[in-house]
C-alpha atoms as a PDB file:
ATOM      1  CA  MET A   1       0.000   0.000   0.000  1.00  0.00           C
ATOM      2  CA  ASN A   2       1.596   3.282  -1.107  1.00  0.00           C
ATOM      3  CA  ILE A   3       2.508   5.729   1.665  1.00  0.00           C
ATOM      4  CA  ILE A   4       2.713   9.516   1.805  1.00  0.00           C
ATOM      5  CA  ASP A   5       5.177  10.429   4.577  1.00  0.00           C
ATOM      6  CA  LEU A   6       4.860  14.067   5.549  1.00  0.00           C
ATOM      7  CA  HIS A   7       8.121  14.495   7.439  1.00  0.00           C
ATOM      8  CA  CYS A   8      11.773  13.462   7.377  1.00  0.00           C
ATOM      9  CA  ASP A   9      15.078  15.231   8.046  1.00  0.00           C
ATOM     10  CA  GLY A  10      17.180  13.658   5.318  1.00  0.00           C
ATOM     11  CA  LEU A  11      18.229  17.040   3.889  1.00  0.00           C
ATOM     12  CA  MET A  12      19.836  18.019   7.188  1.00  0.00           C
ATOM     13  CA  LYS A  13      21.916  14.827   7.139  1.00  0.00           C
ATOM     14  CA  LEU A  14      22.908  15.368   3.508  1.00  0.00           C
ATOM     15  CA  GLN A  15      23.943  18.962   4.194  1.00  0.00           C
ATOM     16  CA  GLU A  16      25.885  18.125   7.360  1.00  0.00           C
ATOM     17  CA  ALA A  17      27.738  15.320   5.533  1.00  0.00           C
ATOM     18  CA  LYS A  18      28.834  17.838   2.873  1.00  0.00           C
ATOM     19  CA  GLY A  19      28.488  15.485  -0.061  1.00  0.00           C
ATOM     20  CA  ALA A  20      29.737  12.318   1.644  1.00  0.00           C
ATOM     21  CA  LEU A  21      26.330  10.574   1.545  1.00  0.00           C
ATOM     22  CA  ARG A  22      24.564   9.151  -1.505  1.00  0.00           C
ATOM     23  CA  PHE A  23      20.818   9.617  -1.278  1.00  0.00           C
ATOM     24  CA  ALA A  24      20.314   6.501  -3.378  1.00  0.00           C
ATOM     25  CA  ASP A  25      21.639   4.043  -0.815  1.00  0.00           C
ATOM     26  CA  ALA A  26      23.598   5.622   2.065  1.00  0.00           C
ATOM     27  CA  PRO A  27      23.009   3.394   5.118  1.00  0.00           C
ATOM     28  CA  GLU A  28      23.148   6.481   7.332  1.00  0.00           C
ATOM     29  CA  LEU A  29      19.888   7.720   5.739  1.00  0.00           C
ATOM     30  CA  GLN A  30      16.722   6.125   7.083  1.00  0.00           C
ATOM     31  CA  THR A  31      14.946   7.619   4.058  1.00  0.00           C
ATOM     32  CA  ASN A  32      17.408   6.787   1.291  1.00  0.00           C
ATOM     33  CA  LYS A  33      15.820   5.944  -2.047  1.00  0.00           C
ATOM     34  CA  THR A  34      16.344   2.197  -1.712  1.00  0.00           C
ATOM     35  CA  ARG A  35      14.572   2.156   1.640  1.00  0.00           C
ATOM     36  CA  LEU A  36      11.723   4.329   0.350  1.00  0.00           C
ATOM     37  CA  GLN A  37      11.245   1.879  -2.502  1.00  0.00           C
ATOM     38  CA  LEU A  38      11.293  -1.159  -0.215  1.00  0.00           C
ATOM     39  CA  GLY A  39       8.733   0.466   2.095  1.00  0.00           C
ATOM     40  CA  GLN A  40       6.476   1.571  -0.773  1.00  0.00           C
ATOM     41  CA  VAL A  41       6.775   5.216   0.237  1.00  0.00           C
ATOM     42  CA  LYS A  42       5.295   6.909  -2.827  1.00  0.00           C
ATOM     43  CA  VAL A  43       5.752  10.490  -1.583  1.00  0.00           C
ATOM     44  CA  GLN A  44       8.400  11.694   0.847  1.00  0.00           C
ATOM     45  CA  CYS A  45       8.296  15.211   2.258  1.00  0.00           C
ATOM     46  CA  PHE A  46      11.777  16.582   2.945  1.00  0.00           C
ATOM     47  CA  ALA A  47      12.015  19.169   5.717  1.00  0.00           C
ATOM     48  CA  ILE A  48      14.439  22.071   5.731  1.00  0.00           C
ATOM     49  CA  PHE A  49      15.566  22.191   9.352  1.00  0.00           C
ATOM     50  CA  ILE A  50      18.237  24.485  10.791  1.00  0.00           C
ATOM     51  CA  GLU A  51      19.936  23.410  14.022  1.00  0.00           C
ATOM     52  CA  PRO A  52      19.407  26.010  16.806  1.00  0.00           C
ATOM     53  CA  GLU A  53      23.147  26.510  17.351  1.00  0.00           C
ATOM     54  CA  ILE A  54      23.622  27.851  13.797  1.00  0.00           C
ATOM     55  CA  LYS A  55      24.251  31.602  13.999  1.00  0.00           C
ATOM     56  CA  GLY A  56      21.363  33.783  12.896  1.00  0.00           C
ATOM     57  CA  ASP A  57      23.158  35.376   9.950  1.00  0.00           C
ATOM     58  CA  GLN A  58      24.056  31.930   8.575  1.00  0.00           C
ATOM     59  CA  LYS A  59      20.665  30.228   8.829  1.00  0.00           C
ATOM     60  CA  PHE A  60      19.255  31.231   5.450  1.00  0.00           C
ATOM     61  CA  GLN A  61      22.472  30.101   3.773  1.00  0.00           C
ATOM     62  CA  VAL A  62      22.164  26.701   5.463  1.00  0.00           C
ATOM     63  CA  ALA A  63      18.561  26.445   4.280  1.00  0.00           C
ATOM     64  CA  LEU A  64      19.685  27.153   0.714  1.00  0.00           C
ATOM     65  CA  GLU A  65      22.426  24.532   1.035  1.00  0.00           C
ATOM     66  CA  GLN A  66      19.846  21.926   2.060  1.00  0.00           C
ATOM     67  CA  ILE A  67      17.690  22.866  -0.927  1.00  0.00           C
ATOM     68  CA  ASP A  68      20.770  22.581  -3.129  1.00  0.00           C
ATOM     69  CA  TYR A  69      21.281  19.004  -1.922  1.00  0.00           C
ATOM     70  CA  PHE A  70      17.603  18.346  -2.600  1.00  0.00           C
ATOM     71  CA  TYR A  71      18.019  19.452  -6.213  1.00  0.00           C
ATOM     72  CA  LYS A  72      21.470  17.962  -6.838  1.00  0.00           C
ATOM     73  CA  GLU A  73      21.577  14.774  -4.757  1.00  0.00           C
ATOM     74  CA  VAL A  74      17.937  13.735  -4.307  1.00  0.00           C
ATOM     75  CA  LEU A  75      16.522  14.808  -7.681  1.00  0.00           C
ATOM     76  CA  GLY A  76      19.544  15.304  -9.910  1.00  0.00           C
ATOM     77  CA  LYS A  77      21.092  11.868  -9.416  1.00  0.00           C
ATOM     78  CA  ASN A  78      17.818   9.936  -9.259  1.00  0.00           C
ATOM     79  CA  PRO A  79      15.525  10.425 -12.272  1.00  0.00           C
ATOM     80  CA  ASP A  80      12.846   8.314 -10.564  1.00  0.00           C
ATOM     81  CA  MET A  81      12.579  10.948  -7.811  1.00  0.00           C
ATOM     82  CA  VAL A  82      10.045  13.536  -9.019  1.00  0.00           C
ATOM     83  CA  HIS A  83       9.810  17.056  -7.612  1.00  0.00           C
ATOM     84  CA  LEU A  84       6.243  17.844  -6.548  1.00  0.00           C
ATOM     85  CA  LYS A  85       5.851  21.581  -7.094  1.00  0.00           C
ATOM     86  CA  GLY A  86       2.066  21.786  -6.927  1.00  0.00           C
ATOM     87  CA  TRP A  87      -0.754  19.875  -5.277  1.00  0.00           C
ATOM     88  CA  ALA A  88      -2.007  18.462  -8.578  1.00  0.00           C
ATOM     89  CA  ASP A  89       1.420  16.905  -9.221  1.00  0.00           C
ATOM     90  CA  PHE A  90       0.597  14.069  -6.813  1.00  0.00           C
ATOM     91  CA  ASP A  91      -1.809  12.700  -9.416  1.00  0.00           C
ATOM     92  CA  GLN A  92       0.853  12.611 -12.153  1.00  0.00           C
ATOM     93  CA  LEU A  93       3.265  10.179 -10.483  1.00  0.00           C
ATOM     94  CA  LYS A  94       3.915   7.110 -12.589  1.00  0.00           C
ATOM     95  CA  LEU A  95       4.708   3.536 -11.590  1.00  0.00           C
ATOM     96  CA  GLY A  96       8.206   3.367 -10.129  1.00  0.00           C
ATOM     97  CA  GLN A  97       8.408   7.089  -9.388  1.00  0.00           C
ATOM     98  CA  ILE A  98       8.636   8.629  -5.915  1.00  0.00           C
ATOM     99  CA  GLY A  99       7.376  12.142  -5.310  1.00  0.00           C
ATOM    100  CA  ALA A 100       9.517  14.571  -3.307  1.00  0.00           C
ATOM    101  CA  LEU A 101       8.063  17.667  -1.629  1.00  0.00           C
ATOM    102  CA  LEU A 102       9.968  20.412   0.201  1.00  0.00           C
ATOM    103  CA  THR A 103       8.758  21.617   3.613  1.00  0.00           C
ATOM    104  CA  LEU A 104      10.104  24.094   6.166  1.00  0.00           C
ATOM    105  CA  GLU A 105      10.417  23.121   9.838  1.00  0.00           C
ATOM    106  CA  GLY A 106      10.616  26.429  11.684  1.00  0.00           C
ATOM    107  CA  VAL A 107      11.039  29.832  10.039  1.00  0.00           C
ATOM    108  CA  ASP A 108      14.249  30.758  11.874  1.00  0.00           C
ATOM    109  CA  ALA A 109      16.075  30.864   8.521  1.00  0.00           C
ATOM    110  CA  ILE A 110      14.045  33.844   7.249  1.00  0.00           C
ATOM    111  CA  GLY A 111      14.530  36.052  10.319  1.00  0.00           C
ATOM    112  CA  ASN A 112      11.886  38.759   9.948  1.00  0.00           C
ATOM    113  CA  ASP A 113      12.062  38.901   6.143  1.00  0.00           C
ATOM    114  CA  LEU A 114       8.955  37.631   4.343  1.00  0.00           C
ATOM    115  CA  THR A 115      10.817  38.010   1.030  1.00  0.00           C
ATOM    116  CA  LYS A 116      13.003  35.071   2.038  1.00  0.00           C
ATOM    117  CA  LEU A 117       9.907  32.950   2.584  1.00  0.00           C
ATOM    118  CA  HIS A 118       8.737  33.908  -0.897  1.00  0.00           C
ATOM    119  CA  ILE A 119      12.101  32.733  -2.263  1.00  0.00           C
ATOM    120  CA  LEU A 120      11.689  29.399  -0.469  1.00  0.00           C
ATOM    121  CA  TYR A 121       8.187  29.123  -1.906  1.00  0.00           C
ATOM    122  CA  GLN A 122       9.541  29.718  -5.406  1.00  0.00           C
ATOM    123  CA  LEU A 123      12.100  26.961  -4.780  1.00  0.00           C
ATOM    124  CA  GLY A 124       9.296  24.535  -3.917  1.00  0.00           C
ATOM    125  CA  VAL A 125       8.406  24.793  -0.212  1.00  0.00           C
ATOM    126  CA  ARG A 126       4.726  23.876   0.198  1.00  0.00           C
ATOM    127  CA  SER A 127       4.387  23.383   3.973  1.00  0.00           C
ATOM    128  CA  VAL A 128       5.634  25.719   6.698  1.00  0.00           C
ATOM    129  CA  GLY A 129       5.936  25.136  10.437  1.00  0.00           C
ATOM    130  CA  LEU A 130       6.456  28.392  12.310  1.00  0.00           C
ATOM    131  CA  THR A 131       8.785  27.023  14.978  1.00  0.00           C
ATOM    132  CA  TRP A 132      10.868  24.129  16.105  1.00  0.00           C
ATOM    133  CA  ASN A 133      10.760  23.643  19.904  1.00  0.00           C
ATOM    134  CA  TYR A 134      11.824  27.117  20.992  1.00  0.00           C
ATOM    135  CA  ALA A 135      10.879  30.727  20.328  1.00  0.00           C
ATOM    136  CA  ASN A 136      11.701  32.694  17.205  1.00  0.00           C
ATOM    137  CA  LEU A 137      10.389  35.880  15.653  1.00  0.00           C
ATOM    138  CA  ALA A 138       7.168  34.163  14.527  1.00  0.00           C
ATOM    139  CA  ALA A 139       5.978  32.203  17.561  1.00  0.00           C
ATOM    140  CA  ASP A 140       6.837  30.191  20.654  1.00  0.00           C
ATOM    141  CA  GLY A 141       7.636  26.509  20.305  1.00  0.00           C
ATOM    142  CA  ALA A 142       6.333  23.569  22.298  1.00  0.00           C
ATOM    143  CA  GLU A 143       9.188  23.719  24.811  1.00  0.00           C
ATOM    144  CA  GLU A 144       9.403  27.502  25.247  1.00  0.00           C
ATOM    145  CA  PRO A 145       8.622  28.048  28.963  1.00  0.00           C
ATOM    146  CA  ARG A 146       6.548  31.225  28.560  1.00  0.00           C
ATOM    147  CA  GLY A 147       4.085  29.464  26.206  1.00  0.00           C
ATOM    148  CA  GLY A 148       3.306  32.455  24.033  1.00  0.00           C
ATOM    149  CA  GLY A 149       1.459  32.277  20.754  1.00  0.00           C
ATOM    150  CA  LEU A 150       2.034  33.861  17.348  1.00  0.00           C
ATOM    151  CA  THR A 151       3.660  37.246  16.932  1.00  0.00           C
ATOM    152  CA  ARG A 152       2.395  39.790  14.439  1.00  0.00           C
ATOM    153  CA  PHE A 153       5.034  38.457  12.031  1.00  0.00           C
ATOM    154  CA  GLY A 154       3.849  34.899  12.637  1.00  0.00           C
ATOM    155  CA  LYS A 155       0.331  35.908  11.658  1.00  0.00           C
ATOM    156  CA  GLU A 156       1.709  37.509   8.487  1.00  0.00           C
ATOM    157  CA  ILE A 157       3.319  34.168   7.634  1.00  0.00           C
ATOM    158  CA  VAL A 158       0.019  32.331   8.092  1.00  0.00           C
ATOM    159  CA  ALA A 159      -1.648  34.884   5.807  1.00  0.00           C
ATOM    160  CA  PHE A 160       1.122  34.301   3.230  1.00  0.00           C
ATOM    161  CA  ASN A 161       0.552  30.547   3.487  1.00  0.00           C
ATOM    162  CA  ASN A 162      -3.180  31.002   2.992  1.00  0.00           C
ATOM    163  CA  GLU A 163      -2.645  33.166  -0.094  1.00  0.00           C
ATOM    164  CA  HIS A 164      -0.210  30.690  -1.692  1.00  0.00           C
ATOM    165  CA  GLN A 165      -1.996  27.437  -0.729  1.00  0.00           C
ATOM    166  CA  ILE A 166       0.814  26.449   1.641  1.00  0.00           C
ATOM    167  CA  LEU A 167       0.114  24.140   4.572  1.00  0.00           C
ATOM    168  CA  THR A 168       0.642  25.696   8.018  1.00  0.00           C
ATOM    169  CA  ASP A 169       2.139  23.029  10.257  1.00  0.00           C
ATOM    170  CA  VAL A 170       1.345  23.078  14.000  1.00  0.00           C
ATOM    171  CA  SER A 171       3.817  20.346  14.996  1.00  0.00           C
ATOM    172  CA  HIS A 172       6.384  21.918  17.382  1.00  0.00           C
ATOM    173  CA  LEU A 173       4.169  24.936  18.187  1.00  0.00           C
ATOM    174  CA  SER A 174       3.173  25.995  21.688  1.00  0.00           C
ATOM    175  CA  ASP A 175      -0.378  25.213  22.761  1.00  0.00           C
ATOM    176  CA  LYS A 176      -1.404  28.844  22.368  1.00  0.00           C
ATOM    177  CA  GLY A 177       0.230  28.967  18.946  1.00  0.00           C
ATOM    178  CA  ILE A 178      -1.630  25.834  17.851  1.00  0.00           C
ATOM    179  CA  TRP A 179      -4.965  27.397  18.774  1.00  0.00           C
ATOM    180  CA  GLU A 180      -4.124  30.588  16.879  1.00  0.00           C
ATOM    181  CA  VAL A 181      -3.106  28.653  13.756  1.00  0.00           C
ATOM    182  CA  ILE A 182      -6.332  26.631  13.902  1.00  0.00           C
ATOM    183  CA  GLU A 183      -8.211  29.936  13.981  1.00  0.00           C
ATOM    184  CA  LEU A 184      -6.225  31.667  11.220  1.00  0.00           C
ATOM    185  CA  ALA A 185      -4.973  29.031   8.788  1.00  0.00           C
ATOM    186  CA  LYS A 186      -6.896  27.817   5.750  1.00  0.00           C
ATOM    187  CA  TYR A 187      -4.696  24.731   5.532  1.00  0.00           C
ATOM    188  CA  PRO A 188      -3.708  23.613   9.058  1.00  0.00           C
ATOM    189  CA  ILE A 189      -1.808  20.350   9.457  1.00  0.00           C
ATOM    190  CA  ALA A 190       0.207  18.490  12.071  1.00  0.00           C
ATOM    191  CA  SER A 191       2.953  16.826  10.037  1.00  0.00           C
ATOM    192  CA  HIS A 192       4.344  14.686  12.868  1.00  0.00           C
ATOM    193  CA  SER A 193       2.453  14.677  16.175  1.00  0.00           C
ATOM    194  CA  ASN A 194       0.661  12.119  18.351  1.00  0.00           C
ATOM    195  CA  ALA A 195      -2.060  12.148  21.022  1.00  0.00           C
ATOM    196  CA  ARG A 196      -1.168  13.744  24.345  1.00  0.00           C
ATOM    197  CA  ALA A 197      -3.916  11.714  26.022  1.00  0.00           C
ATOM    198  CA  LEU A 198      -1.814   8.585  25.411  1.00  0.00           C
ATOM    199  CA  CYS A 199       1.656  10.106  25.811  1.00  0.00           C
ATOM    200  CA  ASN A 200       1.922  13.288  27.862  1.00  0.00           C
ATOM    201  CA  HIS A 201       4.504  15.209  25.861  1.00  0.00           C
ATOM    202  CA  PRO A 202       4.227  18.890  24.839  1.00  0.00           C
ATOM    203  CA  ARG A 203       4.946  17.897  21.231  1.00  0.00           C
ATOM    204  CA  ASN A 204       1.688  15.945  21.118  1.00  0.00           C
ATOM    205  CA  LEU A 205      -1.827  17.311  20.613  1.00  0.00           C
ATOM    206  CA  THR A 206      -4.576  17.459  23.204  1.00  0.00           C
ATOM    207  CA  ASP A 207      -7.929  15.932  22.357  1.00  0.00           C
ATOM    208  CA  GLU A 208      -9.445  19.414  22.152  1.00  0.00           C
ATOM    209  CA  GLN A 209      -6.792  20.532  19.664  1.00  0.00           C
ATOM    210  CA  ALA A 210      -7.226  17.376  17.585  1.00  0.00           C
ATOM    211  CA  VAL A 211     -11.000  17.819  17.380  1.00  0.00           C
ATOM    212  CA  ALA A 212     -10.561  21.480  16.406  1.00  0.00           C
ATOM    213  CA  MET A 213      -8.060  20.464  13.704  1.00  0.00           C
ATOM    214  CA  PHE A 214     -10.500  17.923  12.300  1.00  0.00           C
ATOM    215  CA  ASN A 215     -13.340  20.449  12.380  1.00  0.00           C
ATOM    216  CA  GLN A 216     -11.187  22.853  10.336  1.00  0.00           C
ATOM    217  CA  GLY A 217     -10.450  20.199   7.724  1.00  0.00           C
ATOM    218  CA  GLY A 218      -6.910  19.741   9.004  1.00  0.00           C
ATOM    219  CA  LEU A 219      -4.903  16.536   9.049  1.00  0.00           C
ATOM    220  CA  ILE A 220      -2.869  14.934  11.831  1.00  0.00           C
ATOM    221  CA  HIS A 221       0.028  12.731  10.764  1.00  0.00           C
ATOM    222  CA  VAL A 222       1.300  10.440  13.497  1.00  0.00           C
ATOM    223  CA  VAL A 223       5.024  10.393  14.269  1.00  0.00           C
ATOM    224  CA  TYR A 224       7.268   7.356  14.855  1.00  0.00           C
ATOM    225  CA  HIS A 225       9.541   8.974  17.486  1.00  0.00           C
ATOM    226  CA  PRO A 226       9.317   6.678  20.577  1.00  0.00           C
ATOM    227  CA  PRO A 227       9.173   9.478  23.238  1.00  0.00           C
ATOM    228  CA  PHE A 228       6.045  10.813  21.494  1.00  0.00           C
ATOM    229  CA  VAL A 229       4.434   7.356  21.371  1.00  0.00           C
ATOM    230  CA  LYS A 230       4.935   5.967  24.871  1.00  0.00           C
ATOM    231  CA  GLU A 231       6.365   7.494  28.031  1.00  0.00           C
ATOM    232  CA  SER A 232       8.631   4.558  28.959  1.00  0.00           C
ATOM    233  CA  GLY A 233       9.674   1.058  27.965  1.00  0.00           C
ATOM    234  CA  GLU A 234      10.026  -0.594  24.580  1.00  0.00           C
ATOM    235  CA  VAL A 235       7.831   0.988  21.930  1.00  0.00           C
ATOM    236  CA  THR A 236       6.144  -1.298  19.411  1.00  0.00           C
ATOM    237  CA  ILE A 237       4.040  -0.756  16.313  1.00  0.00           C
ATOM    238  CA  PRO A 238       0.813  -1.598  18.233  1.00  0.00           C
ATOM    239  CA  ASP A 239       1.688   1.310  20.564  1.00  0.00           C
ATOM    240  CA  LEU A 240       1.658   3.664  17.573  1.00  0.00           C
ATOM    241  CA  VAL A 241      -1.581   2.138  16.278  1.00  0.00           C
ATOM    242  CA  LYS A 242      -3.207   3.135  19.588  1.00  0.00           C
ATOM    243  CA  HIS A 243      -2.639   6.793  18.697  1.00  0.00           C
ATOM    244  CA  ILE A 244      -4.325   6.330  15.333  1.00  0.00           C
ATOM    245  CA  ASP A 245      -7.217   4.547  17.016  1.00  0.00           C
ATOM    246  CA  HIS A 246      -7.501   7.360  19.556  1.00  0.00           C
ATOM    247  CA  PHE A 247      -7.647  10.031  16.852  1.00  0.00           C
ATOM    248  CA  CYS A 248     -10.290   7.930  15.083  1.00  0.00           C
ATOM    249  CA  SER A 249     -12.352   7.957  18.282  1.00  0.00           C
ATOM    250  CA  LEU A 250     -12.283  11.769  18.076  1.00  0.00           C
ATOM    251  CA  GLY A 251     -13.778  11.697  14.581  1.00  0.00           C
ATOM    252  CA  GLY A 252     -10.593  11.842  12.511  1.00  0.00           C
ATOM    253  CA  VAL A 253     -10.693   8.555  10.621  1.00  0.00           C
ATOM    254  CA  ARG A 254     -10.524  10.407   7.288  1.00  0.00           C
ATOM    255  CA  GLN A 255      -8.002  12.996   8.472  1.00  0.00           C
ATOM    256  CA  ILE A 256      -5.136  10.879   9.822  1.00  0.00           C
ATOM    257  CA  GLY A 257      -1.838  10.303   8.034  1.00  0.00           C
ATOM    258  CA  LEU A 258       1.795   9.347   8.594  1.00  0.00           C
ATOM    259  CA  GLY A 259       4.835  11.532   9.371  1.00  0.00           C
ATOM    260  CA  SER A 260       7.775   9.334  10.301  1.00  0.00           C
ATOM    261  CA  ASP A 261      10.391  11.916  11.403  1.00  0.00           C
ATOM    262  CA  PHE A 262      13.040   9.531  10.045  1.00  0.00           C
ATOM    263  CA  ASP A 263      16.564  10.988   9.927  1.00  0.00           C
ATOM    264  CA  GLY A 264      15.546  13.343  12.717  1.00  0.00           C
ATOM    265  CA  ILE A 265      15.368  10.604  15.367  1.00  0.00           C
ATOM    266  CA  SER A 266      17.955   8.284  16.903  1.00  0.00           C
ATOM    267  CA  THR A 267      15.688   5.823  18.730  1.00  0.00           C
ATOM    268  CA  PHE A 268      13.063   3.741  16.986  1.00  0.00           C
ATOM    269  CA  ILE A 269       9.866   1.779  17.248  1.00  0.00           C
ATOM    270  CA  THR A 270      10.671  -1.940  17.096  1.00  0.00           C
ATOM    271  CA  ASP A 271      10.328  -3.187  13.489  1.00  0.00           C
ATOM    272  CA  LEU A 272       9.946   0.395  12.237  1.00  0.00           C
ATOM    273  CA  GLU A 273      13.574   1.507  12.195  1.00  0.00           C
ATOM    274  CA  ASP A 274      13.685   3.044   8.719  1.00  0.00           C
ATOM    275  CA  ALA A 275      11.522   3.640   5.669  1.00  0.00           C
ATOM    276  CA  SER A 276      12.054   0.108   4.352  1.00  0.00           C
ATOM    277  CA  LYS A 277      10.002  -1.218   7.303  1.00  0.00           C
ATOM    278  CA  SER A 278       6.988   0.989   6.563  1.00  0.00           C
ATOM    279  CA  GLN A 279       4.762  -1.865   5.409  1.00  0.00           C
ATOM    280  CA  ASN A 280       5.088  -3.442   8.879  1.00  0.00           C
ATOM    281  CA  LEU A 281       2.934  -0.557  10.120  1.00  0.00           C
ATOM    282  CA  ILE A 282       0.449  -1.016   7.283  1.00  0.00           C
ATOM    283  CA  ASN A 283       0.154  -4.744   8.025  1.00  0.00           C
ATOM    284  CA  GLU A 284      -0.521  -4.052  11.712  1.00  0.00           C
ATOM    285  CA  LEU A 285      -3.133  -1.434  10.844  1.00  0.00           C
ATOM    286  CA  LEU A 286      -4.936  -3.935   8.617  1.00  0.00           C
ATOM    287  CA  LYS A 287      -5.483  -6.106  11.695  1.00  0.00           C
ATOM    288  CA  HIS A 288      -7.498  -3.337  13.350  1.00  0.00           C
ATOM    289  CA  PHE A 289      -9.100  -1.254  10.584  1.00  0.00           C
ATOM    290  CA  LYS A 290     -10.904  -1.728   7.294  1.00  0.00           C
ATOM    291  CA  GLU A 291      -8.682  -1.748   4.219  1.00  0.00           C
ATOM    292  CA  GLU A 292     -10.290   1.487   2.971  1.00  0.00           C
ATOM    293  CA  GLU A 293      -9.478   3.205   6.281  1.00  0.00           C
ATOM    294  CA  VAL A 294      -5.867   2.016   6.217  1.00  0.00           C
ATOM    295  CA  ARG A 295      -5.511   3.249   2.646  1.00  0.00           C
ATOM    296  CA  GLY A 296      -6.745   6.573   3.956  1.00  0.00           C
ATOM    297  CA  PHE A 297      -4.082   6.673   6.673  1.00  0.00           C
ATOM    298  CA  ALA A 298      -1.412   5.629   4.177  1.00  0.00           C
ATOM    299  CA  ASN A 299      -2.152   8.175   1.456  1.00  0.00           C
ATOM    300  CA  GLN A 300      -5.774   8.878   0.499  1.00  0.00           C
ATOM    301  CA  ASN A 301      -6.707  11.131   3.433  1.00  0.00           C
ATOM    302  CA  PHE A 302      -3.914  13.511   2.479  1.00  0.00           C
ATOM    303  CA  LEU A 303      -4.861  13.401  -1.195  1.00  0.00           C
ATOM    304  CA  ASP A 304      -8.459  14.174  -0.290  1.00  0.00           C
ATOM    305  CA  HIS A 305      -7.513  17.200   1.827  1.00  0.00           C
ATOM    306  CA  ARG A 306      -4.855  18.851  -0.320  1.00  0.00           C
ATOM    307  CA  PRO A 307      -5.171  22.625  -0.770  1.00  0.00           C
ATOM    308  CA  GLY A 308      -7.117  23.609  -3.841  1.00  0.00           C
ATOM    309  CA  LEU A 309      -8.442  20.134  -4.555  1.00  0.00           C
ATOM    310  CA  GLY A 310     -10.188  18.492  -1.646  1.00  0.00           C
ATOM    311  CA  ARG A 311     -11.376  21.680   0.013  1.00  0.00           C
END
């Protein structure tokens, strides 16, 4: 069953390795092309993520370097990797092709300059998360102690996203920020978040937030990072399935998807250690849900809720 994975950090690894890794088959990449193929990942979203310790005046340059690796290493050396530049492009993928979509995880790289976001949009970014875990000029992150929401600049970014049919991603936002995005965004999404009711972590969503997301037509893509799945002990695929089941109980059966966070995590769910193992999750889901529902989680829910098409 083909999978649309809304989040990985492979570009960060490629950029930090400075050309030493081959996207096609580097074992260091949990989302290398070979593993995507083995796991039947039909679309992989590649996040641009800038480590917090990078100096402010260097962050945009690092973002451009990651995009350069996306164009040269991911696309340029692999003709079967297809750049998805628009939401209708998902429907044009042929047998044997894998779609690749650029996303932005935190707007630190643009400082307070909306022109830089427009440049990233022109280069292919189609989903934008305002923060990582901490505060920036747009909003507070999930682990920022003061728990503030969006700044005036953050609201300008959401308006830009709305105008350009860009997803606004609430994963990593503070609780207050999540509520403000739900109120303001035409295309809200959680690219990699789980249910806080099952695992009490600030990166996860409360039931109230999840219901509000669903009511706004937003999607929640569950994440494979063990600390967001279970608070202690070995984490198994059935533990992750519980989060999907919980979101279904809140009315989200047609608005749930997958967002692995591969290449951004160093601990793993048993039997879900890289993209090649993705069908293990599908097979477990088929034990608990109808095939049509599982196909929804895997890809169809996202296709049905894309900007400009399903809304």
